[in-house]
Amino acid sequence: MIEVTKINDVKVLINPDLMEIVEETPDTVISFTTGRKIIVKESRQEVKNLVKSYRKDIFA
C-alpha cells in the first residue's frame, strides 16, 4: 500500500496494483480498475516514485 493525500488533506492508503491511470489535469487524478477515481495532492511523478519504492520493497 502507498500513502497519498486527498485534496481535503485526508491521508489514505491505496493499493497500487489496482491503479490504472494517473493523470494531471491539473490536479492529479488516480483511476482504479474498479472504476473509482480519487484526486490527490501529490504530483504524477511523486505517485510514480511511491509506486516504484513500493515495488522495490516488495520484490527486494
PDB file of N, CA and C in Angstrom:
ATOM      1  N   MET A   1       0.844  -1.174   0.000  1.00  0.00           N
ATOM      2  CA  MET A   1       0.000   0.000   0.000  1.00  0.00           C
ATOM      3  C   MET A   1       0.890   1.237   0.000  1.00  0.00           C
ATOM      4  N   ILE A   2       0.417   2.267  -0.688  1.00  0.00           N
ATOM      5  CA  ILE A   2       1.128   3.542  -0.663  1.00  0.00           C
ATOM      6  C   ILE A   2       0.207   4.593  -0.055  1.00  0.00           C
ATOM      7  N   GLU A   3       0.821   5.575   0.611  1.00  0.00           N
ATOM      8  CA  GLU A   3       0.037   6.624   1.257  1.00  0.00           C
ATOM      9  C   GLU A   3       0.025   7.868   0.389  1.00  0.00           C
ATOM     10  N   VAL A   4      -1.158   8.391   0.123  1.00  0.00           N
ATOM     11  CA  VAL A   4      -1.331   9.622  -0.633  1.00  0.00           C
ATOM     12  C   VAL A   4      -2.252  10.547   0.156  1.00  0.00           C
ATOM     13  N   THR A   5      -2.269  11.811  -0.227  1.00  0.00           N
ATOM     14  CA  THR A   5      -3.080  12.804   0.451  1.00  0.00           C
ATOM     15  C   THR A   5      -4.186  13.271  -0.479  1.00  0.00           C
ATOM     16  N   LYS A   6      -5.416  13.047  -0.058  1.00  0.00           N
ATOM     17  CA  LYS A   6      -6.547  13.512  -0.847  1.00  0.00           C
ATOM     18  C   LYS A   6      -6.611  15.035  -0.787  1.00  0.00           C
ATOM     19  N   ILE A   7      -7.376  15.617  -1.674  1.00  0.00           N
ATOM     20  CA  ILE A   7      -7.451  17.063  -1.816  1.00  0.00           C
ATOM     21  C   ILE A   7      -7.943  17.746  -0.533  1.00  0.00           C
ATOM     22  N   ASN A   8      -8.668  17.019   0.333  1.00  0.00           N
ATOM     23  CA  ASN A   8      -9.177  17.579   1.584  1.00  0.00           C
ATOM     24  C   ASN A   8      -8.228  17.312   2.763  1.00  0.00           C
ATOM     25  N   ASP A   9      -6.960  17.003   2.463  1.00  0.00           N
ATOM     26  CA  ASP A   9      -5.887  16.763   3.441  1.00  0.00           C
ATOM     27  C   ASP A   9      -6.021  15.462   4.219  1.00  0.00           C
ATOM     28  N   VAL A  10      -6.888  14.570   3.798  1.00  0.00           N
ATOM     29  CA  VAL A  10      -7.014  13.264   4.441  1.00  0.00           C
ATOM     30  C   VAL A  10      -6.008  12.314   3.793  1.00  0.00           C
ATOM     31  N   LYS A  11      -5.200  11.677   4.634  1.00  0.00           N
ATOM     32  CA  LYS A  11      -4.229  10.708   4.119  1.00  0.00           C
ATOM     33  C   LYS A  11      -4.907   9.346   4.012  1.00  0.00           C
ATOM     34  N   VAL A  12      -4.696   8.678   2.889  1.00  0.00           N
ATOM     35  CA  VAL A  12      -5.286   7.362   2.662  1.00  0.00           C
ATOM     36  C   VAL A  12      -4.219   6.427   2.114  1.00  0.00           C
ATOM     37  N   LEU A  13      -4.427   5.139   2.351  1.00  0.00           N
ATOM     38  CA  LEU A  13      -3.564   4.115   1.769  1.00  0.00           C
ATOM     39  C   LEU A  13      -4.291   3.518   0.578  1.00  0.00           C
ATOM     40  N   ILE A  14      -3.583   3.387  -0.536  1.00  0.00           N
ATOM     41  CA  ILE A  14      -4.191   2.795  -1.722  1.00  0.00           C
ATOM     42  C   ILE A  14      -3.338   1.629  -2.212  1.00  0.00           C
ATOM     43  N   ASN A  15      -3.991   0.726  -2.890  1.00  0.00           N
ATOM     44  CA  ASN A  15      -3.316  -0.438  -3.449  1.00  0.00           C
ATOM     45  C   ASN A  15      -2.842  -0.080  -4.862  1.00  0.00           C
ATOM     46  N   PRO A  16      -1.528   0.043  -5.071  1.00  0.00           N
ATOM     47  CA  PRO A  16      -1.038   0.438  -6.387  1.00  0.00           C
ATOM     48  C   PRO A  16      -1.284  -0.620  -7.467  1.00  0.00           C
ATOM     49  N   ASP A  17      -1.576  -1.856  -7.055  1.00  0.00           N
ATOM     50  CA  ASP A  17      -1.860  -2.893  -8.040  1.00  0.00           C
ATOM     51  C   ASP A  17      -3.204  -2.661  -8.726  1.00  0.00           C
ATOM     52  N   LEU A  18      -4.063  -1.847  -8.113  1.00  0.00           N
ATOM     53  CA  LEU A  18      -5.376  -1.564  -8.697  1.00  0.00           C
ATOM     54  C   LEU A  18      -5.396  -0.258  -9.487  1.00  0.00           C
ATOM     55  N   MET A  19      -4.260   0.451  -9.496  1.00  0.00           N
ATOM     56  CA  MET A  19      -4.201   1.710 -10.237  1.00  0.00           C
ATOM     57  C   MET A  19      -4.148   1.419 -11.728  1.00  0.00           C
ATOM     58  N   GLU A  20      -4.919   2.173 -12.473  1.00  0.00           N
ATOM     59  CA  GLU A  20      -4.942   2.001 -13.919  1.00  0.00           C
ATOM     60  C   GLU A  20      -4.306   3.198 -14.627  1.00  0.00           C
ATOM     61  N   ILE A  21      -4.704   4.417 -14.229  1.00  0.00           N
ATOM     62  CA  ILE A  21      -4.205   5.631 -14.865  1.00  0.00           C
ATOM     63  C   ILE A  21      -3.940   6.679 -13.797  1.00  0.00           C
ATOM     64  N   VAL A  22      -2.821   7.415 -13.956  1.00  0.00           N
ATOM     65  CA  VAL A  22      -2.539   8.587 -13.132  1.00  0.00           C
ATOM     66  C   VAL A  22      -2.361   9.743 -14.100  1.00  0.00           C
ATOM     67  N   GLU A  23      -3.196  10.780 -13.941  1.00  0.00           N
ATOM     68  CA  GLU A  23      -3.108  11.914 -14.858  1.00  0.00           C
ATOM     69  C   GLU A  23      -3.177  13.230 -14.095  1.00  0.00           C
ATOM     70  N   GLU A  24      -2.515  14.256 -14.663  1.00  0.00           N
ATOM     71  CA  GLU A  24      -2.561  15.598 -14.088  1.00  0.00           C
ATOM     72  C   GLU A  24      -3.417  16.472 -14.992  1.00  0.00           C
ATOM     73  N   THR A  25      -4.499  17.017 -14.428  1.00  0.00           N
ATOM     74  CA  THR A  25      -5.453  17.758 -15.275  1.00  0.00           C
ATOM     75  C   THR A  25      -6.019  19.010 -14.631  1.00  0.00           C
ATOM     76  N   PRO A  26      -5.419  19.954 -13.996  1.00  0.00           N
ATOM     77  CA  PRO A  26      -4.064  19.983 -13.452  1.00  0.00           C
ATOM     78  C   PRO A  26      -3.938  19.228 -12.140  1.00  0.00           C
ATOM     79  N   ASP A  27      -5.068  18.919 -11.468  1.00  0.00           N
ATOM     80  CA  ASP A  27      -4.985  18.087 -10.268  1.00  0.00           C
ATOM     81  C   ASP A  27      -4.611  16.664 -10.662  1.00  0.00           C
ATOM     82  N   THR A  28      -3.982  15.956  -9.755  1.00  0.00           N
ATOM     83  CA  THR A  28      -3.603  14.575 -10.019  1.00  0.00           C
ATOM     84  C   THR A  28      -4.793  13.666  -9.719  1.00  0.00           C
ATOM     85  N   VAL A  29      -5.242  12.958 -10.742  1.00  0.00           N
ATOM     86  CA  VAL A  29      -6.384  12.055 -10.619  1.00  0.00           C
ATOM     87  C   VAL A  29      -5.880  10.630 -10.807  1.00  0.00           C
ATOM     88  N   ILE A  30      -6.195   9.776  -9.832  1.00  0.00           N
ATOM     89  CA  ILE A  30      -5.826   8.358  -9.922  1.00  0.00           C
ATOM     90  C   ILE A  30      -7.097   7.580 -10.221  1.00  0.00           C
ATOM     91  N   SER A  31      -7.070   6.834 -11.327  1.00  0.00           N
ATOM     92  CA  SER A  31      -8.194   5.970 -11.707  1.00  0.00           C
ATOM     93  C   SER A  31      -7.818   4.529 -11.405  1.00  0.00           C
ATOM     94  N   PHE A  32      -8.777   3.799 -10.858  1.00  0.00           N
ATOM     95  CA  PHE A  32      -8.549   2.409 -10.479  1.00  0.00           C
ATOM     96  C   PHE A  32      -9.292   1.463 -11.420  1.00  0.00           C
ATOM     97  N   THR A  33      -8.882   0.231 -11.418  1.00  0.00           N
ATOM     98  CA  THR A  33      -9.523  -0.779 -12.272  1.00  0.00           C
ATOM     99  C   THR A  33     -10.970  -1.018 -11.854  1.00  0.00           C
ATOM    100  N   THR A  34     -11.322  -0.604 -10.651  1.00  0.00           N
ATOM    101  CA  THR A  34     -12.687  -0.772 -10.149  1.00  0.00           C
ATOM    102  C   THR A  34     -13.626   0.305 -10.682  1.00  0.00           C
ATOM    103  N   GLY A  35     -13.063   1.327 -11.350  1.00  0.00           N
ATOM    104  CA  GLY A  35     -13.862   2.434 -11.857  1.00  0.00           C
ATOM    105  C   GLY A  35     -13.840   3.640 -10.937  1.00  0.00           C
ATOM    106  N   ARG A  36     -13.335   3.470  -9.737  1.00  0.00           N
ATOM    107  CA  ARG A  36     -13.261   4.577  -8.782  1.00  0.00           C
ATOM    108  C   ARG A  36     -12.127   5.515  -9.152  1.00  0.00           C
ATOM    109  N   LYS A  37     -12.289   6.807  -8.818  1.00  0.00           N
ATOM    110  CA  LYS A  37     -11.248   7.810  -9.047  1.00  0.00           C
ATOM    111  C   LYS A  37     -11.088   8.634  -7.789  1.00  0.00           C
ATOM    112  N   ILE A  38      -9.845   9.047  -7.506  1.00  0.00           N
ATOM    113  CA  ILE A  38      -9.609   9.974  -6.412  1.00  0.00           C
ATOM    114  C   ILE A  38      -8.660  11.068  -6.894  1.00  0.00           C
ATOM    115  N   ILE A  39      -8.806  12.242  -6.300  1.00  0.00           N
ATOM    116  CA  ILE A  39      -7.925  13.372  -6.591  1.00  0.00           C
ATOM    117  C   ILE A  39      -6.968  13.498  -5.414  1.00  0.00           C
ATOM    118  N   VAL A  40      -5.675  13.580  -5.717  1.00  0.00           N
ATOM    119  CA  VAL A  40      -4.661  13.645  -4.672  1.00  0.00           C
ATOM    120  C   VAL A  40      -3.778  14.872  -4.849  1.00  0.00           C
ATOM    121  N   LYS A  41      -3.107  15.258  -3.765  1.00  0.00           N
ATOM    122  CA  LYS A  41      -2.227  16.425  -3.793  1.00  0.00           C
ATOM    123  C   LYS A  41      -0.873  16.119  -4.422  1.00  0.00           C
ATOM    124  N   GLU A  42      -0.441  14.874  -4.350  1.00  0.00           N
ATOM    125  CA  GLU A  42       0.866  14.505  -4.902  1.00  0.00           C
ATOM    126  C   GLU A  42       0.847  14.667  -6.429  1.00  0.00           C
ATOM    127  N   SER A  43       1.988  14.993  -6.978  1.00  0.00           N
ATOM    128  CA  SER A  43       2.103  15.096  -8.437  1.00  0.00           C
ATOM    129  C   SER A  43       2.136  13.695  -9.051  1.00  0.00           C
ATOM    130  N   ARG A  44       1.979  13.641 -10.347  1.00  0.00           N
ATOM    131  CA  ARG A  44       2.049  12.372 -11.064  1.00  0.00           C
ATOM    132  C   ARG A  44       3.408  11.712 -10.829  1.00  0.00           C
ATOM    133  N   GLN A  45       4.467  12.515 -10.852  1.00  0.00           N
ATOM    134  CA  GLN A  45       5.813  11.989 -10.642  1.00  0.00           C
ATOM    135  C   GLN A  45       5.987  11.460  -9.223  1.00  0.00           C
ATOM    136  N   GLU A  46       5.420  12.136  -8.234  1.00  0.00           N
ATOM    137  CA  GLU A  46       5.505  11.664  -6.850  1.00  0.00           C
ATOM    138  C   GLU A  46       4.779  10.333  -6.688  1.00  0.00           C
ATOM    139  N   VAL A  47       3.620  10.201  -7.314  1.00  0.00           N
ATOM    140  CA  VAL A  47       2.876   8.935  -7.255  1.00  0.00           C
ATOM    141  C   VAL A  47       3.704   7.831  -7.905  1.00  0.00           C
ATOM    142  N   LYS A  48       4.305   8.143  -9.033  1.00  0.00           N
ATOM    143  CA  LYS A  48       5.157   7.168  -9.731  1.00  0.00           C
ATOM    144  C   LYS A  48       6.306   6.723  -8.824  1.00  0.00           C
ATOM    145  N   ASN A  49       6.942   7.666  -8.135  1.00  0.00           N
ATOM    146  CA  ASN A  49       8.055   7.333  -7.246  1.00  0.00           C
ATOM    147  C   ASN A  49       7.591   6.493  -6.059  1.00  0.00           C
ATOM    148  N   LEU A  50       6.409   6.779  -5.531  1.00  0.00           N
ATOM    149  CA  LEU A  50       5.858   5.977  -4.435  1.00  0.00           C
ATOM    150  C   LEU A  50       5.615   4.532  -4.882  1.00  0.00           C
ATOM    151  N   VAL A  51       5.088   4.374  -6.081  1.00  0.00           N
ATOM    152  CA  VAL A  51       4.825   3.028  -6.605  1.00  0.00           C
ATOM    153  C   VAL A  51       6.142   2.283  -6.831  1.00  0.00           C
ATOM    154  N   LYS A  52       7.133   2.972  -7.391  1.00  0.00           N
ATOM    155  CA  LYS A  52       8.433   2.339  -7.617  1.00  0.00           C
ATOM    156  C   LYS A  52       9.061   1.895  -6.304  1.00  0.00           C
ATOM    157  N   SER A  53       8.991   2.742  -5.292  1.00  0.00           N
ATOM    158  CA  SER A  53       9.542   2.407  -3.983  1.00  0.00           C
ATOM    159  C   SER A  53       8.785   1.218  -3.365  1.00  0.00           C
ATOM    160  N   TYR A  54       7.471   1.212  -3.507  1.00  0.00           N
ATOM    161  CA  TYR A  54       6.653   0.107  -3.003  1.00  0.00           C
ATOM    162  C   TYR A  54       7.057  -1.205  -3.662  1.00  0.00           C
ATOM    163  N   ARG A  55       7.222  -1.175  -4.963  1.00  0.00           N
ATOM    164  CA  ARG A  55       7.579  -2.405  -5.694  1.00  0.00           C
ATOM    165  C   ARG A  55       8.993  -2.879  -5.314  1.00  0.00           C
ATOM    166  N   LYS A  56       9.906  -1.951  -5.098  1.00  0.00           N
ATOM    167  CA  LYS A  56      11.257  -2.329  -4.681  1.00  0.00           C
ATOM    168  C   LYS A  56      11.209  -3.038  -3.325  1.00  0.00           C
ATOM    169  N   ASP A  57      10.389  -2.506  -2.408  1.00  0.00           N
ATOM    170  CA  ASP A  57      10.261  -3.120  -1.092  1.00  0.00           C
ATOM    171  C   ASP A  57       9.664  -4.523  -1.172  1.00  0.00           C
ATOM    172  N   ILE A  58       8.682  -4.698  -2.039  1.00  0.00           N
ATOM    173  CA  ILE A  58       8.002  -5.979  -2.182  1.00  0.00           C
ATOM    174  C   ILE A  58       8.931  -7.041  -2.778  1.00  0.00           C
ATOM    175  N   PHE A  59       9.672  -6.656  -3.809  1.00  0.00           N
ATOM    176  CA  PHE A  59      10.462  -7.631  -4.552  1.00  0.00           C
ATOM    177  C   PHE A  59      11.928  -7.707  -4.116  1.00  0.00           C
ATOM    178  N   ALA A  60      12.281  -6.966  -3.065  1.00  0.00           N
ATOM    179  CA  ALA A  60      13.681  -6.988  -2.598  1.00  0.00           C
ATOM    180  C   ALA A  60      13.952  -8.207  -1.731  1.00  0.00           C
TER     181      ALA A  60
END
